[in-house]
Amino acid sequence: MHTADIVLLIHFVFVLFVVASLPVIWLGTWFNWLFIRNFTFRLTHLAAILFVVGESLIGITCPLTAWEHELRGTGSEQSFMQQWLHRILFYDFPEYVLTSIYLLFALLVLITYKLAPPIAYKRNHNRH
């Protein structure tokens, strides 16, 4: 596997985490799944989408995208993974459309964070 494909796969997993976590949190709220209240999980999810929004608002290319392109160079043949994951990850929309989508999604995440807040569990260090 080419190093650029590994970076692309990491990028895909990051996007999957950001996108899929929100409906999982909603389902978990409905079904009372405790893990969706995990503070670390929820804070990581919120930070991830805010990072994407921040990148988009200041107009920088995603570091994973830039790294993948740098590793691939020019004139290389597309791998099977690159061909399919690029179809899933990248769209030919104006930047303002993507930024608007990211902002709306972040707003949904923030609303969900407020309506179904995480719980910071305290560790008991005095167990006997």
N, C-alpha and C. Protein backbone atom coordinates (compact mmCIF):
# COMPACT_ATOMS: atom_id res chain seq x y z
N MET A 1 0.86 -1.17 0.00
CA MET A 1 0.00 0.00 0.00
C MET A 1 0.91 1.24 0.00
N HIS A 2 0.57 2.17 -0.83
CA HIS A 2 1.32 3.43 -0.96
C HIS A 2 1.06 4.29 0.28
N THR A 3 2.07 5.01 0.72
CA THR A 3 1.95 5.88 1.90
C THR A 3 0.81 6.89 1.73
N ALA A 4 0.65 7.39 0.51
CA ALA A 4 -0.44 8.35 0.25
C ALA A 4 -1.81 7.70 0.47
N ASP A 5 -1.92 6.41 0.16
CA ASP A 5 -3.19 5.70 0.40
C ASP A 5 -3.46 5.57 1.90
N ILE A 6 -2.43 5.41 2.69
CA ILE A 6 -2.60 5.33 4.15
C ILE A 6 -3.10 6.68 4.68
N VAL A 7 -2.52 7.77 4.18
CA VAL A 7 -2.98 9.10 4.58
C VAL A 7 -4.44 9.30 4.16
N LEU A 8 -4.78 8.86 2.95
CA LEU A 8 -6.15 8.96 2.46
C LEU A 8 -7.10 8.15 3.34
N LEU A 9 -6.68 6.96 3.73
CA LEU A 9 -7.52 6.13 4.59
C LEU A 9 -7.73 6.79 5.95
N ILE A 10 -6.68 7.39 6.51
CA ILE A 10 -6.81 8.13 7.78
C ILE A 10 -7.79 9.29 7.61
N HIS A 11 -7.71 9.98 6.48
CA HIS A 11 -8.62 11.09 6.17
C HIS A 11 -10.06 10.58 6.13
N PHE A 12 -10.27 9.46 5.46
CA PHE A 12 -11.60 8.87 5.36
C PHE A 12 -12.15 8.51 6.74
N VAL A 13 -11.32 7.90 7.58
CA VAL A 13 -11.75 7.51 8.93
C VAL A 13 -12.09 8.76 9.75
N PHE A 14 -11.31 9.83 9.59
CA PHE A 14 -11.60 11.09 10.29
C PHE A 14 -12.98 11.62 9.87
N VAL A 15 -13.23 11.68 8.57
CA VAL A 15 -14.52 12.18 8.06
C VAL A 15 -15.65 11.27 8.53
N LEU A 16 -15.43 9.97 8.48
CA LEU A 16 -16.44 9.02 8.94
C LEU A 16 -16.76 9.25 10.41
N PHE A 17 -15.73 9.47 11.23
CA PHE A 17 -15.94 9.75 12.65
C PHE A 17 -16.79 11.00 12.84
N VAL A 18 -16.44 12.07 12.13
CA VAL A 18 -17.16 13.34 12.27
C VAL A 18 -18.62 13.18 11.84
N VAL A 19 -18.83 12.58 10.69
CA VAL A 19 -20.19 12.50 10.13
C VAL A 19 -21.04 11.45 10.85
N ALA A 20 -20.50 10.26 11.05
CA ALA A 20 -21.30 9.17 11.60
C ALA A 20 -21.57 9.32 13.10
N SER A 21 -20.71 10.03 13.80
CA SER A 21 -20.90 10.16 15.24
C SER A 21 -22.19 10.89 15.59
N LEU A 22 -22.58 11.87 14.78
CA LEU A 22 -23.78 12.63 15.13
C LEU A 22 -25.04 11.76 15.14
N PRO A 23 -25.33 11.00 14.08
CA PRO A 23 -26.51 10.13 14.18
C PRO A 23 -26.37 9.05 15.26
N VAL A 24 -25.16 8.59 15.52
CA VAL A 24 -24.95 7.62 16.60
C VAL A 24 -25.29 8.26 17.94
N ILE A 25 -24.90 9.51 18.12
CA ILE A 25 -25.23 10.23 19.37
C ILE A 25 -26.75 10.37 19.49
N TRP A 26 -27.43 10.72 18.39
CA TRP A 26 -28.89 10.84 18.44
C TRP A 26 -29.54 9.51 18.79
N LEU A 27 -29.09 8.44 18.14
CA LEU A 27 -29.64 7.11 18.45
C LEU A 27 -29.34 6.74 19.90
N GLY A 28 -28.12 7.03 20.33
CA GLY A 28 -27.74 6.72 21.69
C GLY A 28 -28.56 7.47 22.72
N THR A 29 -28.93 8.69 22.39
CA THR A 29 -29.80 9.46 23.27
C THR A 29 -31.17 8.80 23.36
N TRP A 30 -31.68 8.38 22.23
CA TRP A 30 -32.99 7.73 22.15
C TRP A 30 -33.00 6.41 22.92
N PHE A 31 -31.93 5.62 22.74
CA PHE A 31 -31.87 4.29 23.35
C PHE A 31 -31.11 4.25 24.68
N ASN A 32 -30.73 5.41 25.19
CA ASN A 32 -30.01 5.52 26.46
C ASN A 32 -28.69 4.75 26.49
N TRP A 33 -27.93 4.85 25.39
CA TRP A 33 -26.60 4.24 25.36
C TRP A 33 -25.67 5.15 26.15
N LEU A 34 -25.00 4.60 27.12
CA LEU A 34 -24.15 5.40 28.00
C LEU A 34 -22.92 5.97 27.30
N PHE A 35 -22.35 5.22 26.35
CA PHE A 35 -21.09 5.67 25.75
C PHE A 35 -21.22 7.00 25.02
N ILE A 36 -22.43 7.35 24.58
CA ILE A 36 -22.57 8.62 23.86
C ILE A 36 -22.49 9.82 24.80
N ARG A 37 -22.52 9.57 26.08
CA ARG A 37 -22.36 10.64 27.08
C ARG A 37 -20.90 10.80 27.51
N ASN A 38 -20.01 9.95 26.96
CA ASN A 38 -18.60 9.99 27.32
C ASN A 38 -18.01 11.35 26.94
N PHE A 39 -17.45 12.02 27.94
CA PHE A 39 -16.94 13.37 27.76
C PHE A 39 -15.83 13.43 26.71
N THR A 40 -14.89 12.50 26.74
CA THR A 40 -13.77 12.51 25.80
C THR A 40 -14.26 12.31 24.37
N PHE A 41 -15.15 11.35 24.17
CA PHE A 41 -15.73 11.10 22.85
C PHE A 41 -16.42 12.34 22.31
N ARG A 42 -17.25 12.94 23.13
CA ARG A 42 -18.05 14.09 22.69
C ARG A 42 -17.17 15.31 22.44
N LEU A 43 -16.20 15.55 23.31
CA LEU A 43 -15.31 16.69 23.14
C LEU A 43 -14.44 16.51 21.88
N THR A 44 -13.99 15.29 21.64
CA THR A 44 -13.21 15.00 20.44
C THR A 44 -14.05 15.22 19.19
N HIS A 45 -15.29 14.80 19.23
CA HIS A 45 -16.20 14.99 18.09
C HIS A 45 -16.43 16.47 17.83
N LEU A 46 -16.71 17.22 18.86
CA LEU A 46 -16.93 18.66 18.73
C LEU A 46 -15.66 19.35 18.21
N ALA A 47 -14.53 19.01 18.77
CA ALA A 47 -13.26 19.62 18.33
C ALA A 47 -12.97 19.30 16.87
N ALA A 48 -13.28 18.09 16.44
CA ALA A 48 -13.01 17.69 15.05
C ALA A 48 -13.80 18.54 14.06
N ILE A 49 -15.10 18.72 14.31
CA ILE A 49 -15.89 19.51 13.36
C ILE A 49 -15.52 20.99 13.46
N LEU A 50 -15.18 21.47 14.65
CA LEU A 50 -14.75 22.87 14.76
C LEU A 50 -13.43 23.10 14.05
N PHE A 51 -12.56 22.12 14.04
CA PHE A 51 -11.30 22.20 13.29
C PHE A 51 -11.59 22.32 11.80
N VAL A 52 -12.50 21.50 11.30
CA VAL A 52 -12.88 21.55 9.88
C VAL A 52 -13.47 22.91 9.52
N VAL A 53 -14.35 23.41 10.37
CA VAL A 53 -14.96 24.72 10.13
C VAL A 53 -13.88 25.81 10.14
N GLY A 54 -13.00 25.75 11.11
CA GLY A 54 -11.92 26.73 11.20
C GLY A 54 -11.05 26.75 9.94
N GLU A 55 -10.67 25.56 9.48
CA GLU A 55 -9.89 25.45 8.23
C GLU A 55 -10.61 26.13 7.08
N SER A 56 -11.88 25.81 6.97
CA SER A 56 -12.68 26.31 5.87
C SER A 56 -12.85 27.82 5.93
N LEU A 57 -13.11 28.34 7.13
CA LEU A 57 -13.32 29.78 7.28
C LEU A 57 -12.07 30.60 6.96
N ILE A 58 -10.90 30.07 7.32
CA ILE A 58 -9.68 30.83 7.03
C ILE A 58 -9.08 30.46 5.68
N GLY A 59 -9.71 29.51 5.00
CA GLY A 59 -9.33 29.21 3.62
C GLY A 59 -8.07 28.38 3.44
N ILE A 60 -7.79 27.49 4.40
CA ILE A 60 -6.62 26.64 4.21
C ILE A 60 -7.05 25.24 3.78
N THR A 61 -6.19 24.59 3.06
CA THR A 61 -6.43 23.22 2.63
C THR A 61 -6.24 22.29 3.81
N CYS A 62 -7.08 21.28 3.89
CA CYS A 62 -6.95 20.28 4.95
C CYS A 62 -5.53 19.71 4.92
N PRO A 63 -4.87 19.65 6.08
CA PRO A 63 -3.51 19.11 6.11
C PRO A 63 -3.40 17.68 5.56
N LEU A 64 -4.43 16.87 5.78
CA LEU A 64 -4.39 15.50 5.26
C LEU A 64 -4.48 15.49 3.73
N THR A 65 -5.27 16.37 3.16
CA THR A 65 -5.36 16.48 1.70
C THR A 65 -4.02 16.95 1.13
N ALA A 66 -3.45 17.97 1.74
CA ALA A 66 -2.16 18.50 1.26
C ALA A 66 -1.08 17.43 1.37
N TRP A 67 -1.06 16.70 2.47
CA TRP A 67 -0.04 15.67 2.67
C TRP A 67 -0.19 14.56 1.64
N GLU A 68 -1.43 14.14 1.40
CA GLU A 68 -1.67 13.09 0.40
C GLU A 68 -1.17 13.54 -0.97
N HIS A 69 -1.52 14.76 -1.38
CA HIS A 69 -1.09 15.27 -2.69
C HIS A 69 0.43 15.35 -2.78
N GLU A 70 1.05 15.77 -1.70
CA GLU A 70 2.52 15.86 -1.67
C GLU A 70 3.15 14.47 -1.82
N LEU A 71 2.58 13.48 -1.17
CA LEU A 71 3.11 12.12 -1.25
C LEU A 71 2.89 11.49 -2.63
N ARG A 72 1.79 11.83 -3.28
CA ARG A 72 1.49 11.25 -4.59
C ARG A 72 2.34 11.86 -5.70
N GLY A 73 2.63 13.14 -5.56
CA GLY A 73 3.37 13.78 -6.65
C GLY A 73 2.50 13.92 -7.89
N THR A 74 3.12 14.09 -9.02
CA THR A 74 2.38 14.25 -10.27
C THR A 74 2.58 13.04 -11.16
N GLY A 75 1.57 12.76 -11.95
CA GLY A 75 1.68 11.72 -12.96
C GLY A 75 1.56 10.29 -12.47
N SER A 76 1.21 10.11 -11.21
CA SER A 76 1.07 8.73 -10.73
C SER A 76 -0.32 8.19 -11.07
N GLU A 77 -0.36 6.88 -11.30
CA GLU A 77 -1.65 6.24 -11.58
C GLU A 77 -2.48 6.19 -10.31
N GLN A 78 -3.78 6.28 -10.48
CA GLN A 78 -4.67 6.21 -9.32
C GLN A 78 -4.76 4.77 -8.83
N SER A 79 -4.64 4.61 -7.52
CA SER A 79 -4.86 3.29 -6.92
C SER A 79 -6.36 3.06 -6.80
N PHE A 80 -6.73 1.83 -6.58
CA PHE A 80 -8.15 1.49 -6.39
C PHE A 80 -8.72 2.27 -5.21
N MET A 81 -7.95 2.30 -4.10
CA MET A 81 -8.40 3.01 -2.90
C MET A 81 -8.57 4.50 -3.20
N GLN A 82 -7.60 5.08 -3.88
CA GLN A 82 -7.67 6.51 -4.19
C GLN A 82 -8.89 6.81 -5.05
N GLN A 83 -9.11 5.98 -6.04
CA GLN A 83 -10.24 6.21 -6.94
C GLN A 83 -11.56 6.23 -6.18
N TRP A 84 -11.79 5.27 -5.29
CA TRP A 84 -13.07 5.17 -4.60
C TRP A 84 -13.20 6.15 -3.43
N LEU A 85 -12.15 6.29 -2.65
CA LEU A 85 -12.26 7.20 -1.51
C LEU A 85 -12.32 8.65 -1.95
N HIS A 86 -11.68 8.99 -3.05
CA HIS A 86 -11.80 10.36 -3.56
C HIS A 86 -13.22 10.65 -4.00
N ARG A 87 -13.89 9.65 -4.55
CA ARG A 87 -15.30 9.85 -4.94
C ARG A 87 -16.18 10.12 -3.73
N ILE A 88 -15.83 9.51 -2.61
CA ILE A 88 -16.62 9.69 -1.39
C ILE A 88 -16.28 11.01 -0.70
N LEU A 89 -15.00 11.37 -0.67
CA LEU A 89 -14.55 12.51 0.13
C LEU A 89 -14.60 13.86 -0.56
N PHE A 90 -14.38 13.90 -1.85
CA PHE A 90 -14.17 15.18 -2.52
C PHE A 90 -15.29 15.48 -3.52
N TYR A 91 -15.77 16.71 -3.46
CA TYR A 91 -16.86 17.16 -4.32
C TYR A 91 -16.46 18.45 -5.01
N ASP A 92 -16.99 18.65 -6.18
CA ASP A 92 -16.67 19.84 -6.96
C ASP A 92 -17.75 20.91 -6.74
N PHE A 93 -17.76 21.46 -5.53
CA PHE A 93 -18.69 22.54 -5.19
C PHE A 93 -17.87 23.79 -4.90
N PRO A 94 -18.47 24.95 -5.06
CA PRO A 94 -17.77 26.17 -4.66
C PRO A 94 -17.44 26.10 -3.16
N GLU A 95 -16.35 26.72 -2.79
CA GLU A 95 -15.87 26.66 -1.41
C GLU A 95 -16.91 27.19 -0.42
N TYR A 96 -17.67 28.22 -0.81
CA TYR A 96 -18.66 28.77 0.12
C TYR A 96 -19.78 27.77 0.42
N VAL A 97 -20.08 26.89 -0.54
CA VAL A 97 -21.10 25.86 -0.31
C VAL A 97 -20.60 24.87 0.74
N LEU A 98 -19.36 24.41 0.57
CA LEU A 98 -18.79 23.47 1.54
C LEU A 98 -18.68 24.11 2.92
N THR A 99 -18.24 25.35 2.98
CA THR A 99 -18.13 26.05 4.26
C THR A 99 -19.50 26.16 4.92
N SER A 100 -20.53 26.46 4.15
CA SER A 100 -21.89 26.54 4.70
C SER A 100 -22.35 25.20 5.25
N ILE A 101 -22.05 24.13 4.53
CA ILE A 101 -22.41 22.78 5.01
C ILE A 101 -21.68 22.47 6.30
N TYR A 102 -20.38 22.78 6.35
CA TYR A 102 -19.61 22.52 7.57
C TYR A 102 -20.16 23.32 8.74
N LEU A 103 -20.51 24.58 8.50
CA LEU A 103 -21.06 25.42 9.56
C LEU A 103 -22.40 24.89 10.07
N LEU A 104 -23.27 24.48 9.17
CA LEU A 104 -24.57 23.92 9.57
C LEU A 104 -24.38 22.63 10.36
N PHE A 105 -23.46 21.80 9.90
CA PHE A 105 -23.20 20.55 10.61
C PHE A 105 -22.65 20.84 12.01
N ALA A 106 -21.73 21.79 12.10
CA ALA A 106 -21.17 22.16 13.41
C ALA A 106 -22.26 22.70 14.33
N LEU A 107 -23.19 23.46 13.77
CA LEU A 107 -24.31 23.97 14.55
C LEU A 107 -25.15 22.82 15.10
N LEU A 108 -25.41 21.81 14.27
CA LEU A 108 -26.14 20.62 14.74
C LEU A 108 -25.38 19.91 15.86
N VAL A 109 -24.06 19.81 15.71
CA VAL A 109 -23.25 19.17 16.74
C VAL A 109 -23.33 19.97 18.04
N LEU A 110 -23.24 21.30 17.95
CA LEU A 110 -23.34 22.15 19.14
C LEU A 110 -24.71 22.04 19.81
N ILE A 111 -25.76 22.03 19.01
CA ILE A 111 -27.11 21.89 19.56
C ILE A 111 -27.26 20.54 20.25
N THR A 112 -26.74 19.50 19.60
CA THR A 112 -26.79 18.16 20.19
C THR A 112 -25.98 18.12 21.48
N TYR A 113 -24.84 18.78 21.49
CA TYR A 113 -23.99 18.85 22.68
C TYR A 113 -24.77 19.48 23.84
N LYS A 114 -25.57 20.48 23.52
CA LYS A 114 -26.36 21.17 24.54
C LYS A 114 -27.57 20.33 24.99
N LEU A 115 -28.27 19.72 24.03
CA LEU A 115 -29.48 18.96 24.34
C LEU A 115 -29.19 17.59 24.96
N ALA A 116 -28.09 17.00 24.58
CA ALA A 116 -27.68 15.70 25.12
C ALA A 116 -26.23 15.83 25.56
N PRO A 117 -26.01 16.54 26.66
CA PRO A 117 -24.63 16.85 27.06
C PRO A 117 -23.85 15.62 27.50
N PRO A 118 -22.54 15.72 27.33
CA PRO A 118 -21.70 14.63 27.83
C PRO A 118 -21.62 14.69 29.35
N ILE A 119 -21.18 13.62 29.93
CA ILE A 119 -21.01 13.56 31.38
C ILE A 119 -19.54 13.30 31.66
N ALA A 120 -18.96 14.16 32.47
CA ALA A 120 -17.57 13.97 32.88
C ALA A 120 -17.58 13.13 34.14
N TYR A 121 -17.21 11.87 34.00
CA TYR A 121 -17.18 10.98 35.16
C TYR A 121 -15.92 11.24 35.97
N LYS A 122 -16.08 11.29 37.28
CA LYS A 122 -14.94 11.48 38.16
C LYS A 122 -14.38 10.10 38.52
N ARG A 123 -13.07 10.02 38.45
CA ARG A 123 -12.42 8.76 38.81
C ARG A 123 -12.26 8.72 40.32
N ASN A 124 -12.52 7.58 40.88
CA ASN A 124 -12.36 7.40 42.31
C ASN A 124 -10.96 6.84 42.57
N HIS A 125 -10.06 7.69 43.07
CA HIS A 125 -8.70 7.28 43.32
C HIS A 125 -8.52 6.64 44.70
N ASN A 126 -9.56 6.64 45.49
CA ASN A 126 -9.47 6.12 46.86
C ASN A 126 -10.12 4.76 47.00
N ARG A 127 -10.12 3.97 45.94
CA ARG A 127 -10.73 2.63 46.04
C ARG A 127 -9.88 1.72 46.90
N HIS A 128 -10.56 0.85 47.63
CA HIS A 128 -9.85 -0.09 48.49
C HIS A 128 -10.00 -1.48 47.96
